[in-house]
Amino acid sequence: ATAPGGLSAKAPAMTPLMLDTSTRKLVAWDGTTDGAAVGILAVAADQTSTTLMFYKSGTFRYEDVLWPEAASDETKKRTAFAGTAISIV
């Protein structure tokens, strides 16, 4: 899928994404809010990327996702996509 991007820095593919409700753009998941992640970046992007390509559904291996440092434990990572069509195995 594609959506407007609002990244603040370079982000590699497999970065979890969340919606910034103030700008209505996808940004890197903050790693702290359970269920806030809505997709996984499919192609590397940066702050100049106005459109992001991302996965909005699928099953992904836990170790392949590039988790932010703020996601301090496995439970937080496994619940990042709660309520979405993304599964972490």
N, C-alpha and C. Protein backbone atom coordinates (compact mmCIF):
# COMPACT_ATOMS: atom_id res chain seq x y z
N ALA A 1 0.84 -1.18 0.00
CA ALA A 1 0.00 0.00 0.00
C ALA A 1 0.89 1.24 0.00
N THR A 2 0.31 2.38 -0.26
CA THR A 2 1.03 3.65 -0.19
C THR A 2 0.22 4.63 0.66
N ALA A 3 0.95 5.56 1.29
CA ALA A 3 0.31 6.59 2.10
C ALA A 3 1.28 7.75 2.26
N PRO A 4 0.77 8.94 2.60
CA PRO A 4 1.66 10.08 2.83
C PRO A 4 2.65 9.79 3.96
N GLY A 5 3.90 10.19 3.75
CA GLY A 5 4.94 9.96 4.74
C GLY A 5 5.32 11.21 5.50
N GLY A 6 5.65 11.03 6.76
CA GLY A 6 6.08 12.13 7.61
C GLY A 6 7.29 11.74 8.45
N LEU A 7 8.20 10.97 7.86
CA LEU A 7 9.38 10.52 8.60
C LEU A 7 10.25 11.70 8.99
N SER A 8 10.91 11.60 10.13
CA SER A 8 11.81 12.66 10.58
C SER A 8 13.27 12.31 10.34
N ALA A 9 13.53 11.09 9.88
CA ALA A 9 14.89 10.63 9.62
C ALA A 9 14.84 9.45 8.65
N LYS A 10 16.00 9.00 8.24
CA LYS A 10 16.10 7.83 7.36
C LYS A 10 15.56 6.60 8.09
N ALA A 11 14.79 5.79 7.38
CA ALA A 11 14.22 4.57 7.97
C ALA A 11 14.41 3.42 6.98
N PRO A 12 14.99 2.31 7.43
CA PRO A 12 15.17 1.16 6.54
C PRO A 12 13.86 0.39 6.37
N ALA A 13 13.81 -0.43 5.32
CA ALA A 13 12.67 -1.32 5.13
C ALA A 13 12.52 -2.17 6.39
N MET A 14 11.30 -2.57 6.70
CA MET A 14 10.93 -3.38 7.85
C MET A 14 10.81 -2.57 9.15
N THR A 15 10.76 -1.24 9.02
CA THR A 15 10.51 -0.38 10.18
C THR A 15 9.01 -0.31 10.44
N PRO A 16 8.55 -0.56 11.67
CA PRO A 16 7.13 -0.42 11.98
C PRO A 16 6.69 1.04 11.85
N LEU A 17 5.48 1.24 11.35
CA LEU A 17 4.94 2.58 11.14
C LEU A 17 3.66 2.80 11.95
N MET A 18 3.42 4.05 12.31
CA MET A 18 2.18 4.44 12.99
C MET A 18 1.65 5.72 12.35
N LEU A 19 0.41 6.04 12.60
CA LEU A 19 -0.19 7.26 12.06
C LEU A 19 0.02 8.41 13.03
N ASP A 20 0.57 9.51 12.53
CA ASP A 20 0.66 10.75 13.31
C ASP A 20 -0.69 11.43 13.15
N THR A 21 -1.49 11.45 14.20
CA THR A 21 -2.86 11.97 14.08
C THR A 21 -2.91 13.47 13.84
N SER A 22 -1.85 14.19 14.16
CA SER A 22 -1.87 15.64 13.93
C SER A 22 -1.59 16.00 12.47
N THR A 23 -0.79 15.17 11.78
CA THR A 23 -0.46 15.46 10.37
C THR A 23 -1.15 14.52 9.40
N ARG A 24 -1.72 13.41 9.93
CA ARG A 24 -2.37 12.37 9.11
C ARG A 24 -1.36 11.70 8.17
N LYS A 25 -0.10 11.60 8.61
CA LYS A 25 0.96 10.95 7.83
C LYS A 25 1.55 9.80 8.63
N LEU A 26 2.14 8.84 7.89
CA LEU A 26 2.80 7.73 8.55
C LEU A 26 4.18 8.14 9.02
N VAL A 27 4.51 7.73 10.24
CA VAL A 27 5.82 7.99 10.84
C VAL A 27 6.31 6.69 11.47
N ALA A 28 7.57 6.65 11.86
CA ALA A 28 8.11 5.47 12.53
C ALA A 28 7.37 5.28 13.86
N TRP A 29 7.01 4.02 14.16
CA TRP A 29 6.33 3.70 15.41
C TRP A 29 7.20 4.12 16.58
N ASP A 30 6.60 4.72 17.61
CA ASP A 30 7.35 5.24 18.76
C ASP A 30 7.86 4.15 19.70
N GLY A 31 7.36 2.94 19.54
CA GLY A 31 7.84 1.83 20.37
C GLY A 31 7.23 1.77 21.75
N THR A 32 6.32 2.68 22.06
CA THR A 32 5.75 2.72 23.41
C THR A 32 4.25 2.47 23.47
N THR A 33 3.55 2.69 22.38
CA THR A 33 2.10 2.61 22.39
C THR A 33 1.62 1.29 21.80
N ASP A 34 1.07 0.41 22.66
CA ASP A 34 0.55 -0.87 22.18
C ASP A 34 -0.56 -0.64 21.17
N GLY A 35 -0.55 -1.40 20.09
CA GLY A 35 -1.60 -1.32 19.09
C GLY A 35 -1.55 -0.11 18.20
N ALA A 36 -0.52 0.73 18.31
CA ALA A 36 -0.45 1.95 17.49
C ALA A 36 0.19 1.71 16.13
N ALA A 37 0.97 0.66 15.99
CA ALA A 37 1.62 0.38 14.71
C ALA A 37 0.57 -0.09 13.70
N VAL A 38 0.60 0.47 12.50
CA VAL A 38 -0.41 0.14 11.49
C VAL A 38 0.18 -0.49 10.24
N GLY A 39 1.50 -0.51 10.11
CA GLY A 39 2.12 -1.07 8.92
C GLY A 39 3.61 -1.23 9.11
N ILE A 40 4.24 -1.86 8.10
CA ILE A 40 5.68 -2.07 8.11
C ILE A 40 6.23 -1.51 6.81
N LEU A 41 7.22 -0.64 6.92
CA LEU A 41 7.81 0.00 5.75
C LEU A 41 8.37 -1.05 4.80
N ALA A 42 7.97 -1.00 3.53
CA ALA A 42 8.38 -1.99 2.54
C ALA A 42 9.69 -1.62 1.84
N VAL A 43 9.94 -0.33 1.69
CA VAL A 43 11.12 0.18 0.99
C VAL A 43 11.74 1.27 1.84
N ALA A 44 13.05 1.29 1.96
CA ALA A 44 13.72 2.33 2.75
C ALA A 44 13.26 3.72 2.30
N ALA A 45 13.16 4.64 3.25
CA ALA A 45 12.69 6.00 2.96
C ALA A 45 13.34 6.96 3.94
N ASP A 46 13.15 8.26 3.70
CA ASP A 46 13.69 9.26 4.62
C ASP A 46 12.74 10.44 4.72
N GLN A 47 13.20 11.52 5.37
CA GLN A 47 12.35 12.67 5.62
C GLN A 47 11.92 13.40 4.35
N THR A 48 12.55 13.11 3.21
CA THR A 48 12.13 13.74 1.95
C THR A 48 11.09 12.91 1.21
N SER A 49 10.80 11.72 1.71
CA SER A 49 9.84 10.83 1.06
C SER A 49 8.41 11.28 1.35
N THR A 50 7.73 11.78 0.35
CA THR A 50 6.37 12.26 0.56
C THR A 50 5.35 11.13 0.56
N THR A 51 5.70 10.01 -0.08
CA THR A 51 4.83 8.84 -0.12
C THR A 51 5.62 7.63 0.34
N LEU A 52 5.04 6.84 1.23
CA LEU A 52 5.70 5.64 1.73
C LEU A 52 5.01 4.40 1.18
N MET A 53 5.80 3.40 0.82
CA MET A 53 5.27 2.09 0.44
C MET A 53 5.38 1.20 1.67
N PHE A 54 4.27 0.58 2.06
CA PHE A 54 4.28 -0.21 3.29
C PHE A 54 3.36 -1.42 3.18
N TYR A 55 3.63 -2.40 4.04
CA TYR A 55 2.78 -3.57 4.16
C TYR A 55 1.70 -3.25 5.19
N LYS A 56 0.43 -3.48 4.82
CA LYS A 56 -0.65 -3.25 5.79
C LYS A 56 -1.27 -4.55 6.26
N SER A 57 -0.77 -5.66 5.73
CA SER A 57 -1.21 -6.97 6.18
C SER A 57 -0.11 -7.99 5.90
N GLY A 58 -0.20 -9.11 6.57
CA GLY A 58 0.77 -10.17 6.35
C GLY A 58 1.30 -10.73 7.66
N THR A 59 2.13 -11.75 7.52
CA THR A 59 2.76 -12.40 8.66
C THR A 59 4.26 -12.20 8.54
N PHE A 60 4.86 -11.68 9.60
CA PHE A 60 6.28 -11.33 9.58
C PHE A 60 7.00 -12.00 10.75
N ARG A 61 8.24 -12.40 10.51
CA ARG A 61 9.05 -13.00 11.57
C ARG A 61 9.50 -11.91 12.54
N TYR A 62 9.38 -12.20 13.82
CA TYR A 62 9.74 -11.28 14.90
C TYR A 62 11.13 -10.68 14.67
N GLU A 63 12.09 -11.54 14.32
CA GLU A 63 13.48 -11.10 14.18
C GLU A 63 13.74 -10.29 12.91
N ASP A 64 12.82 -10.26 11.96
CA ASP A 64 13.02 -9.50 10.72
C ASP A 64 12.55 -8.05 10.84
N VAL A 65 11.70 -7.77 11.81
CA VAL A 65 11.18 -6.41 11.99
C VAL A 65 12.24 -5.58 12.71
N LEU A 66 12.46 -4.35 12.26
CA LEU A 66 13.46 -3.47 12.86
C LEU A 66 12.80 -2.64 13.97
N TRP A 67 12.76 -3.20 15.15
CA TRP A 67 12.06 -2.60 16.29
C TRP A 67 12.81 -1.38 16.81
N PRO A 68 12.09 -0.33 17.20
CA PRO A 68 12.75 0.84 17.80
C PRO A 68 13.27 0.49 19.20
N GLU A 69 14.28 1.21 19.64
CA GLU A 69 14.87 0.96 20.97
C GLU A 69 13.84 1.13 22.09
N ALA A 70 12.88 2.01 21.90
CA ALA A 70 11.87 2.25 22.94
C ALA A 70 10.98 1.02 23.18
N ALA A 71 10.91 0.11 22.21
CA ALA A 71 10.15 -1.13 22.38
C ALA A 71 11.04 -2.07 23.19
N SER A 72 10.99 -1.92 24.49
CA SER A 72 11.97 -2.52 25.38
C SER A 72 11.79 -4.00 25.69
N ASP A 73 10.63 -4.55 25.42
CA ASP A 73 10.45 -5.97 25.71
C ASP A 73 9.63 -6.65 24.63
N GLU A 74 9.68 -7.97 24.65
CA GLU A 74 9.02 -8.77 23.62
C GLU A 74 7.50 -8.56 23.61
N THR A 75 6.89 -8.41 24.76
CA THR A 75 5.44 -8.22 24.83
C THR A 75 5.04 -6.95 24.09
N LYS A 76 5.76 -5.87 24.31
CA LYS A 76 5.45 -4.60 23.65
C LYS A 76 5.55 -4.76 22.13
N LYS A 77 6.55 -5.49 21.67
CA LYS A 77 6.74 -5.70 20.23
C LYS A 77 5.61 -6.56 19.66
N ARG A 78 5.26 -7.60 20.38
CA ARG A 78 4.22 -8.51 19.87
C ARG A 78 2.82 -7.89 19.89
N THR A 79 2.61 -6.86 20.71
CA THR A 79 1.30 -6.20 20.74
C THR A 79 1.28 -4.90 19.94
N ALA A 80 2.37 -4.57 19.28
CA ALA A 80 2.45 -3.32 18.50
C ALA A 80 1.35 -3.23 17.45
N PHE A 81 1.04 -4.37 16.82
CA PHE A 81 0.08 -4.39 15.71
C PHE A 81 -1.29 -4.94 16.12
N ALA A 82 -1.60 -4.92 17.40
CA ALA A 82 -2.90 -5.43 17.88
C ALA A 82 -4.04 -4.74 17.14
N GLY A 83 -4.98 -5.53 16.65
CA GLY A 83 -6.13 -4.97 15.95
C GLY A 83 -5.91 -4.73 14.47
N THR A 84 -4.73 -5.09 13.94
CA THR A 84 -4.46 -4.92 12.51
C THR A 84 -4.39 -6.28 11.84
N ALA A 85 -4.18 -6.28 10.53
CA ALA A 85 -4.05 -7.52 9.77
C ALA A 85 -2.60 -7.98 9.69
N ILE A 86 -1.75 -7.45 10.56
CA ILE A 86 -0.34 -7.86 10.61
C ILE A 86 -0.14 -8.79 11.80
N SER A 87 0.51 -9.93 11.53
CA SER A 87 0.84 -10.89 12.58
C SER A 87 2.35 -10.99 12.71
N ILE A 88 2.82 -11.06 13.94
CA ILE A 88 4.24 -11.25 14.22
C ILE A 88 4.40 -12.65 14.79
N VAL A 89 5.26 -13.45 14.16
CA VAL A 89 5.47 -14.83 14.61
C VAL A 89 6.91 -15.06 15.01
